[in-house]
Protein backbone atom coordinates (compact mmCIF):
# COMPACT_ATOMS: atom_id res chain seq x y z
CA UNK A 1 9.95 -2.01 -29.05
CA UNK A 2 12.00 -4.10 -26.63
CA UNK A 3 11.01 -2.79 -23.20
CA UNK A 4 12.83 -5.48 -21.24
CA UNK A 5 16.02 -4.61 -23.12
CA UNK A 6 15.58 -0.95 -22.20
CA UNK A 7 15.12 -1.92 -18.55
CA UNK A 8 18.12 -4.25 -18.61
CA UNK A 9 20.34 -1.48 -19.99
CA UNK A 10 19.85 0.53 -16.78
CA UNK A 11 19.71 -2.44 -14.38
CA UNK A 12 23.04 -1.62 -12.73
CA UNK A 13 21.92 1.97 -12.11
CA UNK A 14 18.66 0.82 -10.57
CA UNK A 15 20.50 -1.58 -8.27
CA UNK A 16 22.93 1.20 -7.29
CA UNK A 17 20.04 3.55 -6.46
CA UNK A 18 18.33 0.81 -4.49
CA UNK A 19 21.42 0.24 -2.37
CA UNK A 20 21.94 3.96 -1.71
CA UNK A 21 18.38 4.25 -0.49
CA UNK A 22 18.63 1.06 1.55
CA UNK A 23 21.84 2.13 3.27
CA UNK A 24 20.34 5.50 4.21
CA UNK A 25 16.74 4.74 5.21
CA UNK A 26 14.52 7.57 6.39
CA UNK A 27 11.28 7.43 8.33
CA UNK A 28 7.99 8.90 7.17
CA UNK A 29 8.07 12.68 6.63
CA UNK A 30 11.88 12.81 7.02
CA UNK A 31 12.96 11.43 3.62
CA UNK A 32 15.40 14.26 2.88
CA UNK A 33 18.29 12.29 1.36
CA UNK A 34 15.92 10.07 -0.59
CA UNK A 35 14.15 13.08 -2.10
CA UNK A 36 17.52 14.64 -2.96
CA UNK A 37 18.53 11.49 -4.85
CA UNK A 38 15.24 11.44 -6.74
CA UNK A 39 15.67 15.07 -7.75
CA UNK A 40 19.21 14.35 -8.95
CA UNK A 41 18.17 11.36 -11.05
CA UNK A 42 15.19 13.16 -12.59
CA UNK A 43 17.27 16.24 -13.37
CA UNK A 44 20.02 14.20 -15.03
CA UNK A 45 17.39 12.37 -17.09
CA UNK A 46 15.81 15.65 -18.22
CA UNK A 47 12.48 14.95 -16.51
CA UNK A 48 10.45 17.93 -15.28
CA UNK A 49 9.18 17.72 -11.71
CA UNK A 50 7.74 19.70 -8.82
CA UNK A 51 8.01 19.27 -5.08
CA UNK A 52 4.70 18.60 -3.34
CA UNK A 53 5.18 19.94 0.21
CA UNK A 54 4.76 17.10 2.68
CA UNK A 55 3.77 14.71 -0.07
CA UNK A 56 6.81 13.98 -2.22
CA UNK A 57 7.84 14.67 -5.81
CA UNK A 58 5.62 14.72 -8.89
CA UNK A 59 7.30 14.32 -12.29
CA UNK A 60 5.88 14.76 -15.79
CA UNK A 61 6.76 13.17 -19.13
CA UNK A 62 4.89 14.36 -22.21
CA UNK A 63 4.52 12.26 -25.34
CA UNK A 64 4.58 13.77 -28.85
CA UNK A 65 0.79 13.56 -29.24
CA UNK A 66 -1.99 14.50 -26.80
CA UNK A 67 -3.93 11.74 -25.12
CA UNK A 68 -4.77 10.29 -21.75
CA UNK A 69 -2.76 10.69 -18.54
CA UNK A 70 -1.48 7.73 -16.56
CA UNK A 71 -0.21 8.13 -12.99
CA UNK A 72 2.61 5.90 -11.70
CA UNK A 73 3.30 5.94 -7.97
CA UNK A 74 6.01 4.64 -5.62
CA UNK A 75 6.41 5.03 -1.85
CA UNK A 76 9.80 6.06 -0.46
CA UNK A 77 9.81 5.83 3.38
CA UNK A 78 11.40 3.24 5.68
CA UNK A 79 10.33 1.48 8.89
CA UNK A 80 11.43 1.89 12.55
CA UNK A 81 12.66 -1.73 12.75
CA UNK A 82 16.13 -3.13 13.45
CA UNK A 83 17.06 -5.41 10.56
CA UNK A 84 18.89 -8.72 10.56
CA UNK A 85 22.17 -8.79 8.66
CA UNK A 86 21.05 -11.87 6.70
CA UNK A 87 17.93 -12.95 4.88
CA UNK A 88 16.86 -16.57 5.46
CA UNK A 89 19.91 -18.08 3.74
CA UNK A 90 22.72 -15.56 3.22
CA UNK A 91 24.08 -12.10 4.10
CA UNK A 92 22.13 -9.22 2.59
CA UNK A 93 23.60 -7.32 -0.37
CA UNK A 94 23.81 -4.18 1.78
CA UNK A 95 22.79 -3.06 5.25
CA UNK A 96 21.17 -0.03 6.80
CA UNK A 97 23.61 2.49 8.25
CA UNK A 98 20.92 3.96 10.51
CA UNK A 99 20.36 2.01 13.76
CA UNK A 100 16.76 0.95 14.25
CA UNK A 101 15.61 2.05 10.79
CA UNK A 102 15.46 -0.13 7.68
CA UNK A 103 13.70 -0.63 4.36
CA UNK A 104 11.83 -3.82 5.21
CA UNK A 105 8.75 -3.19 3.05
CA UNK A 106 10.49 -2.84 -0.31
CA UNK A 107 10.09 0.92 -0.68
CA UNK A 108 13.77 1.19 -1.58
CA UNK A 109 13.09 -1.05 -4.58
CA UNK A 110 9.82 0.74 -5.41
CA UNK A 111 11.63 4.08 -5.54
CA UNK A 112 14.56 2.77 -7.58
CA UNK A 113 12.25 1.08 -10.09
CA UNK A 114 10.15 4.20 -10.60
CA UNK A 115 13.30 6.26 -11.13
CA UNK A 116 14.37 3.66 -13.67
CA UNK A 117 10.98 3.85 -15.36
CA UNK A 118 11.27 7.64 -15.49
CA UNK A 119 14.63 7.38 -17.24
CA UNK A 120 13.37 4.81 -19.76
CA UNK A 121 10.12 6.65 -20.48
CA UNK A 122 11.93 9.95 -20.94
CA UNK A 123 14.38 8.32 -23.37
CA UNK A 124 11.54 6.74 -25.34
CA UNK A 125 8.81 9.33 -24.92
CA UNK A 126 8.14 9.13 -28.64
CA UNK A 127 6.25 5.93 -27.76
CA UNK A 128 3.84 7.79 -25.45
CA UNK A 129 0.38 8.62 -26.75
CA UNK A 130 -0.31 11.03 -23.93
CA UNK A 131 1.24 12.02 -20.62
CA UNK A 132 2.87 10.10 -17.77
CA UNK A 133 2.91 11.46 -14.22
CA UNK A 134 5.27 9.81 -11.75
CA UNK A 135 4.79 10.36 -8.03
CA UNK A 136 7.30 9.54 -5.30
CA UNK A 137 5.21 9.47 -2.12
CA UNK A 138 6.47 10.42 1.32
CA UNK A 139 4.90 9.12 4.50
CA UNK A 140 3.14 6.04 3.17
CA UNK A 141 3.74 4.10 6.37
CA UNK A 142 2.16 6.74 8.60
CA UNK A 143 -0.60 7.64 6.15
CA UNK A 144 0.33 11.31 5.69
CA UNK A 145 1.74 11.41 2.17
CA UNK A 146 -1.46 10.56 0.35
CA UNK A 147 -3.27 13.48 2.01
CA UNK A 148 -0.78 16.02 0.65
CA UNK A 149 -0.68 14.22 -2.71
CA UNK A 150 -4.45 14.22 -3.17
CA UNK A 151 -4.82 17.84 -2.04
CA UNK A 152 -2.16 18.86 -4.57
CA UNK A 153 -3.82 16.93 -7.39
CA UNK A 154 -7.24 18.38 -6.68
CA UNK A 155 -6.19 21.94 -5.91
CA UNK A 156 -4.23 22.09 -9.17
CA UNK A 157 -6.97 20.39 -11.22
CA UNK A 158 -4.56 17.71 -12.47
CA UNK A 159 -6.38 15.38 -14.82
CA UNK A 160 -5.71 11.66 -14.37
CA UNK A 161 -7.25 8.81 -16.36
CA UNK A 162 -5.79 5.87 -14.46
CA UNK A 163 -3.17 4.85 -11.90
CA UNK A 164 -0.56 2.14 -11.45
CA UNK A 165 1.63 1.00 -8.56
CA UNK A 166 3.74 -2.03 -7.76
CA UNK A 167 4.64 -3.65 -4.44
CA UNK A 168 7.44 -6.12 -3.76
CA UNK A 169 6.09 -9.38 -2.35
CA UNK A 170 7.84 -12.55 -1.18
CA UNK A 171 5.64 -15.23 -2.70
CA UNK A 172 5.66 -14.97 -6.53
CA UNK A 173 8.83 -16.21 -8.17
CA UNK A 174 11.46 -13.49 -8.58
CA UNK A 175 10.57 -11.20 -11.47
CA UNK A 176 7.06 -12.55 -11.91
CA UNK A 177 4.14 -10.13 -11.78
CA UNK A 178 1.13 -11.02 -9.63
CA UNK A 179 -2.22 -9.56 -10.70
CA UNK A 180 -5.80 -10.00 -9.55
CA UNK A 181 -9.15 -8.26 -10.00
CA UNK A 182 -10.76 -6.82 -6.88
CA UNK A 183 -9.29 -6.79 -3.38
CA UNK A 184 -5.49 -6.80 -3.31
CA UNK A 185 -4.72 -4.84 -0.09
CA UNK A 186 -6.98 -4.45 2.93
CA UNK A 187 -8.97 -1.71 4.54
CA UNK A 188 -9.17 -1.52 8.30
CA UNK A 189 -11.13 -0.47 11.37
CA UNK A 190 -9.32 0.14 14.66
CA UNK A 191 -11.27 -0.42 17.85
CA UNK A 192 -10.55 0.68 21.42
CA UNK A 193 -12.84 -0.28 24.33
CA UNK A 194 -12.60 0.41 28.06
CA UNK A 195 -15.21 -0.97 30.45
CA UNK A 196 -15.70 -0.12 34.14
CA UNK A 197 -17.24 -2.57 36.61
CA UNK A 198 -20.24 -1.13 38.42
CA UNK A 199 -19.52 -3.33 41.47
CA UNK A 200 -15.95 -2.02 41.73
CA UNK A 201 -14.37 -5.43 41.07
CA UNK A 202 -11.71 -5.45 38.37
CA UNK A 203 -12.34 -9.15 37.75
CA UNK A 204 -15.83 -8.28 36.52
CA UNK A 205 -14.36 -5.85 33.98
CA UNK A 206 -11.86 -8.49 32.86
CA UNK A 207 -14.59 -11.12 32.43
CA UNK A 208 -16.65 -8.61 30.46
CA UNK A 209 -13.79 -7.85 28.07
CA UNK A 210 -13.02 -11.54 27.59
CA UNK A 211 -16.64 -12.13 26.70
CA UNK A 212 -16.63 -9.18 24.29
CA UNK A 213 -13.68 -10.68 22.43
CA UNK A 214 -15.42 -14.05 22.14
CA UNK A 215 -18.56 -12.33 20.91
CA UNK A 216 -16.61 -10.38 18.25
CA UNK A 217 -15.78 -13.65 16.50
CA UNK A 218 -19.39 -14.81 16.65
CA UNK A 219 -20.53 -11.43 15.36
CA UNK A 220 -18.12 -11.76 12.43
CA UNK A 221 -19.88 -14.96 11.34
CA UNK A 222 -23.38 -13.56 11.94
CA UNK A 223 -22.86 -10.09 10.46
CA UNK A 224 -20.45 -10.64 7.56
CA UNK A 225 -20.82 -13.23 4.84
CA UNK A 226 -18.17 -15.97 5.06
CA UNK A 227 -17.33 -15.23 1.43
CA UNK A 228 -15.82 -11.89 2.47
CA UNK A 229 -12.38 -11.89 4.07
CA UNK A 230 -12.25 -10.27 7.51
CA UNK A 231 -9.77 -10.71 10.37
CA UNK A 232 -10.09 -9.57 13.99
CA UNK A 233 -6.93 -9.03 16.01
CA UNK A 234 -6.71 -8.02 19.67
CA UNK A 235 -3.50 -6.07 20.34
CA UNK A 236 -4.22 -4.74 23.85
CA UNK A 237 -5.71 -6.39 26.95
CA UNK A 238 -4.97 -4.29 30.01
CA UNK A 239 -6.65 -4.27 33.41
CA UNK A 240 -6.51 -1.40 35.92
CA UNK A 241 -7.22 -2.66 39.44
CA UNK A 242 -7.25 0.81 41.00
CA UNK A 243 -10.09 1.99 38.76
CA UNK A 244 -11.85 -1.36 38.26
CA UNK A 245 -11.50 -1.04 34.50
CA UNK A 246 -10.25 -3.18 31.64
CA UNK A 247 -9.15 -1.99 28.24
CA UNK A 248 -9.04 -3.96 24.99
CA UNK A 249 -7.97 -2.69 21.59
CA UNK A 250 -7.18 -4.00 18.16
CA UNK A 251 -7.96 -3.92 14.48
CA UNK A 252 -10.23 -5.52 11.90
CA UNK A 253 -9.02 -5.94 8.33
CA UNK A 254 -11.11 -6.61 5.23
CA UNK A 255 -11.26 -5.79 1.53
CA UNK A 256 -14.77 -4.40 1.05
CA UNK A 257 -15.87 -1.53 3.27
CA UNK A 258 -19.58 -1.85 2.51
CA UNK A 259 -19.76 -5.65 2.53
CA UNK A 260 -17.52 -6.30 5.54
CA UNK A 261 -16.20 -3.18 7.26
CA UNK A 262 -19.47 -1.37 7.94
CA UNK A 263 -21.42 -4.45 9.09
CA UNK A 264 -18.58 -5.34 11.47
CA UNK A 265 -18.41 -1.80 12.86
CA UNK A 266 -22.10 -1.92 13.72
CA UNK A 267 -21.67 -5.40 15.22
CA UNK A 268 -18.77 -4.26 17.42
CA UNK A 269 -20.81 -1.40 18.83
CA UNK A 270 -23.78 -3.71 19.46
CA UNK A 271 -21.64 -6.42 21.10
CA UNK A 272 -19.93 -3.97 23.45
CA UNK A 273 -23.16 -2.36 24.60
CA UNK A 274 -25.06 -5.63 25.09
CA UNK A 275 -22.20 -7.48 26.79
CA UNK A 276 -21.55 -4.61 29.19
CA UNK A 277 -25.21 -4.60 30.15
CA UNK A 278 -25.08 -8.33 30.84
CA UNK A 279 -21.95 -8.06 33.03
CA UNK A 280 -22.95 -4.93 34.93
CA UNK A 281 -20.26 -2.80 33.35
CA UNK A 282 -20.21 0.63 31.75
CA UNK A 283 -18.47 1.14 28.37
CA UNK A 284 -16.60 4.30 29.38
CA UNK A 285 -14.63 4.28 26.10
CA UNK A 286 -15.87 2.98 22.75
CA UNK A 287 -13.72 4.30 19.89
CA UNK A 288 -14.11 2.95 16.36
CA UNK A 289 -12.07 4.40 13.48
CA UNK A 290 -13.06 3.97 9.88
CA UNK A 291 -13.81 1.58 8.38
CA UNK A 292 -11.31 2.54 5.69
CA UNK A 293 -11.87 1.05 2.26
CA UNK A 294 -9.64 -1.66 0.85
CA UNK A 295 -7.60 -1.43 -2.34
CA UNK A 296 -9.62 -2.84 -5.24
CA UNK A 297 -7.98 -3.44 -8.62
CA UNK A 298 -10.09 -2.32 -11.56
CA UNK A 299 -10.92 -5.20 -13.98
CA UNK A 300 -10.09 -3.23 -17.14
CA UNK A 301 -6.79 -1.99 -15.70
CA UNK A 302 -5.85 -5.56 -14.80
CA UNK A 303 -6.60 -6.62 -18.38
CA UNK A 304 -4.45 -3.76 -19.74
CA UNK A 305 -1.63 -4.80 -17.39
CA UNK A 306 -1.80 -8.45 -18.42
CA UNK A 307 -1.70 -7.58 -22.11
CA UNK A 308 1.04 -4.94 -21.88
CA UNK A 309 3.30 -6.75 -19.42
CA UNK A 310 2.73 -10.07 -21.13
CA UNK A 311 3.90 -8.57 -24.41
CA UNK A 312 6.99 -7.06 -22.77
CA UNK A 313 8.03 -9.98 -20.56
CA UNK A 314 6.13 -12.96 -21.90
CA UNK A 315 2.88 -14.46 -20.66
CA UNK A 316 4.81 -16.84 -18.37
CA UNK A 317 5.80 -13.86 -16.21
CA UNK A 318 2.16 -13.08 -15.36
CA UNK A 319 0.64 -14.99 -12.45
CA UNK A 320 -2.52 -14.90 -10.37
CA UNK A 321 -2.08 -13.80 -6.78
CA UNK A 322 -4.05 -14.04 -3.56
CA UNK A 323 -5.24 -10.89 -1.79
CA UNK A 324 -3.14 -9.63 1.11
CA UNK A 325 -4.34 -8.21 4.44
CA UNK A 326 -1.79 -5.40 4.63
CA UNK A 327 -2.79 -1.76 4.24
CA UNK A 328 -1.89 0.58 1.37
CA UNK A 329 -2.26 4.34 0.91
CA UNK A 330 -2.67 3.78 -2.85
CA UNK A 331 -6.32 3.24 -1.92
CA UNK A 332 -6.76 7.02 -2.04
CA UNK A 333 -5.93 7.09 -5.76
CA UNK A 334 -7.91 3.95 -6.53
CA UNK A 335 -11.02 5.54 -5.02
CA UNK A 336 -10.92 8.37 -7.59
CA UNK A 337 -9.37 6.74 -10.68
CA UNK A 338 -9.41 3.26 -12.24
CA UNK A 339 -6.26 1.68 -10.86
CA UNK A 340 -4.18 -1.44 -10.52
CA UNK A 341 -1.51 -2.47 -8.06
CA UNK A 342 0.70 -5.37 -9.10
CA UNK A 343 2.85 -7.55 -6.88
CA UNK A 344 6.44 -8.03 -7.98
CA UNK A 345 7.74 -11.41 -6.92
CA UNK A 346 10.89 -11.53 -4.80
CA UNK A 347 10.74 -15.28 -4.24
CA UNK A 348 13.94 -17.32 -4.40
CA UNK A 349 14.11 -19.96 -1.69
CA UNK A 350 17.62 -21.10 -2.65
CA UNK A 351 19.04 -17.66 -1.87
CA UNK A 352 16.81 -16.85 1.10
CA UNK A 353 14.40 -14.34 -0.46
CA UNK A 354 11.31 -15.63 1.34
CA UNK A 355 10.86 -13.29 4.33
CA UNK A 356 7.54 -11.53 4.81
CA UNK A 357 7.18 -7.76 4.53
CA UNK A 358 8.19 -5.90 7.72
CA UNK A 359 10.29 -8.88 8.82
CA UNK A 360 13.86 -8.05 9.93
CA UNK A 361 15.00 -10.64 7.39
CA UNK A 362 13.18 -9.11 4.41
CA UNK A 363 15.36 -8.11 1.47
CA UNK A 364 14.37 -6.93 -1.99
CA UNK A 365 15.66 -9.38 -4.61
CA UNK A 366 17.72 -7.28 -7.02
CA UNK A 367 17.36 -9.91 -9.75
CA UNK A 368 13.69 -8.91 -10.01
CA UNK A 369 14.17 -5.15 -10.42
CA UNK A 370 14.61 -4.99 -14.18
CA UNK A 371 11.33 -6.85 -14.60
CA UNK A 372 9.68 -4.34 -12.31
CA UNK A 373 11.03 -1.42 -14.33
CA UNK A 374 9.80 -3.07 -17.53
CA UNK A 375 6.36 -3.61 -15.99
CA UNK A 376 6.09 0.10 -15.08
CA UNK A 377 7.08 1.17 -18.57
CA UNK A 378 4.93 -1.34 -20.42
CA UNK A 379 1.84 -0.49 -18.38
CA UNK A 380 2.28 3.23 -18.99
CA UNK A 381 2.61 2.73 -22.74
CA UNK A 382 -0.20 0.17 -22.85
CA UNK A 383 -2.62 2.28 -20.82
CA UNK A 384 -2.09 5.33 -23.01
CA UNK A 385 -2.75 3.21 -26.12
CA UNK A 386 -5.99 1.84 -24.69
CA UNK A 387 -8.59 4.10 -26.28
CA UNK A 388 -11.84 2.57 -25.04
CA UNK A 389 -13.48 4.26 -22.05
CA UNK A 390 -13.16 2.50 -18.69
CA UNK A 391 -16.37 2.00 -16.73
CA UNK A 392 -15.59 3.30 -13.26
CA UNK A 393 -17.51 4.97 -10.43
CA UNK A 394 -15.22 7.44 -8.60
CA UNK A 395 -15.80 8.85 -5.16
CA UNK A 396 -17.82 12.06 -5.52
CA UNK A 397 -16.34 14.91 -3.53
CA UNK A 398 -12.96 16.35 -2.62
CA UNK A 399 -10.41 14.50 -0.50
CA UNK A 400 -11.52 16.14 2.74
CA UNK A 401 -15.00 14.76 2.09
CA UNK A 402 -13.41 11.39 1.34
CA UNK A 403 -11.61 11.39 4.70
CA UNK A 404 -14.85 12.30 6.48
CA UNK A 405 -16.73 9.55 4.66
CA UNK A 406 -14.25 7.01 6.03
CA UNK A 407 -15.65 7.62 9.52
CA UNK A 408 -19.32 7.42 8.55
CA UNK A 409 -21.57 4.49 9.43
């Protein structure tokens, strides 16, 4: 079983798909051409699929014997950012033909690789000891696609034993697969505060907000263990002289909701109330969203990935990776099923593939795509062949209850 050979045989097709998607980027919930291409590729490969309204496309590949079900997911939407024509060293392989919209988070590559995996798995489904579900998710960037996806899964009683996803990332060497147990992408809590000076002086409201921001950083050290990652970013500081108010807003990011997110949410509320009292201000607005949970990789799934991908690519292609502070809708799946998200290295300093995600200079490194396809395929086969039960505590309740729980203290 030479999985890398299978992936290499369709490398040119995967690159072609990637470029078509890149040249015609579509924003969240408007991925019409992208979905049409996915349907075409799946149909030509003989893969059965259904449209999930508002959520994307769900495809199914059945092995010759019954067994577990593994769920592979890719996101397909673009970003409202004007790209640069070059990466850090050279012109990009292709450019967006839509002004102000570009694939600068690697979703073009994610989609192309999952289509490639679908074609390989369908051609070699005799190797599957169970069922593979592939999901092409709309609206990842605006957080809508996972809602429709999860409602479809639960309303149709679709059984899933485990999930896999992959994200392009600039730091690992091109084609290398970054894996880690635990936090890999962050959860978040948005905060929005407006204070009104009781004495009618806008400067008092400004001083109050400045003090609140200083106190947030002290509260982080006093309320959250330093061994838990948590960042605090202020994105808005806006005074209104006519109404003697000042508004501040921003976001906290972390990996563990219970260990970091919830303690910080309580600290933010306490800081705002106490600081306003000290400055003679009223907190006329105090809005706190979440905290949303971070994306945690399951230890057993990481072990399965290391073994399966290491066998397909070689152990040298597996590397440890640091957690990131970006957000990911894959968290919805990982809250219900044992899951793993891997990072596919894009890194190649000589040729300029070093830009961060969402940067106008970001470009998916096409030399890495065949390794990504092989990783998808090898994980699917390896997971289905893993017969031991996986110890995992899923969220109890439907997805509406899950969304409500995100707001609870």
